[in-house]
Amino acid sequence: QVQLVESGGGSVQVGGSLRLSCAASGRTFSRYAMSWFRQAPGREREFVGGISRSDGITYGADSVKGRFTITRDNAKNTMYLQMKSLKPEDTAVYYCAADPNVQSTRLSFSNDYNYWGQGTQVTVSS
């Protein structure tokens, strides 16, 4: 069983930066594929990006490429999402997800994940 806790969300102006953290319980953190998803009001959950068990990173929408960076620190059992040049369309609840069985080719498939955090709100205002 893994518990995930996101933090670092908040309100920021256009062009600002935030770093989200996803802290995981458990001693086998490095064996889990982990991803970030986001969901804006009235929209479906969207894959932001993920990192496989072998630390391969995949990003989702083209809109985040070059602005968002995913990293993980296995010693701290934590995954990060560094976001810069934030735009109003980045406003959403951001969730982290983890699962030991998700393959690197399926990081974007939310239904494959068994463990989810509670989400953290990111609001970007102009």
Foldseek 3Di string as FASTA:
>chain_A
DKAWAKDWADEDEAQAKIKMKIAMDDLPLLLKKKFKWWDDPPDDIFTAKIAHSVGDIDGGDPVQPPFWDWDDDSVRRMIMIIGGSDDQVVWTWMKMFIDNPDDPVCSGPVVVTDYIYPTHTHGYHD
